[in-house]
Protein backbone atom coordinates (compact mmCIF):
# COMPACT_ATOMS: atom_id res chain seq x y z
CA MET A 1 -132.75 134.40 56.10
CA LYS A 2 -130.08 132.33 54.21
CA VAL A 3 -129.63 133.73 50.55
CA ALA A 4 -128.97 131.33 47.75
CA GLY A 5 -127.82 131.75 44.15
CA ALA A 6 -131.35 131.68 43.10
CA ASP A 7 -132.19 134.66 45.11
CA ILE A 8 -129.39 136.53 43.39
CA ILE A 9 -130.75 135.48 40.01
CA ALA A 10 -134.13 136.72 40.96
CA VAL A 11 -132.61 140.12 41.94
CA MET A 12 -130.93 140.22 38.38
CA ARG A 13 -134.31 139.73 36.72
CA GLU A 14 -136.13 142.27 38.87
CA ALA A 15 -133.25 144.66 37.97
CA GLY A 16 -133.94 144.03 34.19
CA ILE A 17 -130.86 142.19 33.20
CA LYS A 18 -131.52 140.40 29.85
CA PRO A 19 -133.35 137.13 30.40
CA ASP A 20 -131.23 135.37 27.82
CA VAL A 21 -127.96 136.12 29.74
CA VAL A 22 -129.49 135.49 33.19
CA ASN A 23 -130.93 132.12 32.22
CA LYS A 24 -127.29 130.86 31.30
CA LEU A 25 -125.50 132.04 34.18
CA LYS A 26 -123.09 129.89 36.22
CA PHE A 27 -122.85 130.56 39.88
CA ASP A 28 -118.97 130.29 40.05
CA ALA A 29 -117.91 132.03 36.82
CA PRO A 30 -117.27 135.64 36.56
CA LEU A 31 -120.24 137.61 35.60
CA VAL A 32 -118.37 139.79 32.99
CA ASP A 33 -117.22 136.37 31.23
CA GLN A 34 -120.91 135.27 30.89
CA GLY A 35 -122.34 138.10 28.88
CA LEU A 36 -122.81 140.88 31.56
CA ASP A 37 -121.11 144.10 31.01
CA SER A 38 -119.54 146.81 33.33
CA MET A 39 -122.91 148.69 33.21
CA ASP A 40 -124.82 145.86 34.63
CA LEU A 41 -122.66 145.24 37.66
CA PRO A 42 -123.77 148.50 39.49
CA VAL A 43 -127.33 147.85 38.63
CA ILE A 44 -127.14 144.31 40.27
CA ALA A 45 -125.25 145.90 43.21
CA ALA A 46 -127.99 148.50 43.64
CA ALA A 47 -130.72 145.92 43.31
CA THR A 48 -128.93 143.57 45.95
CA GLU A 49 -128.67 146.54 48.39
CA LYS A 50 -132.48 147.35 48.03
CA LYS A 51 -133.61 143.77 48.03
CA PHE A 52 -131.70 142.81 51.16
CA GLY A 53 -131.52 146.26 53.09
CA LEU A 54 -127.82 146.36 52.71
CA ASP A 55 -125.30 149.02 52.49
CA LEU A 56 -122.79 147.93 49.70
CA SER A 57 -119.65 150.10 49.47
CA ASP A 58 -118.09 150.64 46.09
CA ALA A 59 -114.83 148.82 47.40
CA ASP A 60 -116.95 145.65 48.27
CA ALA A 61 -118.84 145.83 45.16
CA ILE A 62 -115.74 145.60 42.95
CA LYS A 63 -114.91 142.33 44.75
CA LEU A 64 -118.19 140.60 43.75
CA ARG A 65 -117.47 139.05 40.40
CA THR A 66 -119.58 135.83 40.75
CA ILE A 67 -123.01 134.88 41.85
CA ASN A 68 -121.40 132.82 44.66
CA ASP A 69 -119.53 136.10 45.58
CA PHE A 70 -122.84 137.83 45.98
CA VAL A 71 -124.26 134.95 47.95
CA VAL A 72 -121.45 134.92 50.49
CA TYR A 73 -121.27 138.66 50.83
CA VAL A 74 -124.92 139.09 51.41
CA ASN A 75 -125.11 136.11 53.94
CA GLN A 76 -122.30 137.52 55.85
CA LYS A 77 -123.94 140.97 56.06
CA LEU A 78 -127.29 139.58 57.22
CA ALA A 79 -125.59 137.35 59.89
C-alpha cells in the first residue's frame, strides 16, 4: 500500500481538523504555517498511527512538519 498526500488529508479530516484549514493545505509547506496549531499536530500523529497501524514515537512526530513529511514517513514504515 502506497500512501499519498490525499490519504494524510483524509486522516486529518477524520481526526476532526477544521475543514476550512484542511481544504487549503499545501503538501510541502509547514503545517503550523498553514493554520494548524501545536494542539492539532499530536491529534494528526495519533490518527496517523491508528489509520496505518504504526508506532509513531514522539521524537519522530516532532520531525513531521509537512504533509509530504507524513507521506514519506508512513511509506518508509510500511515498506
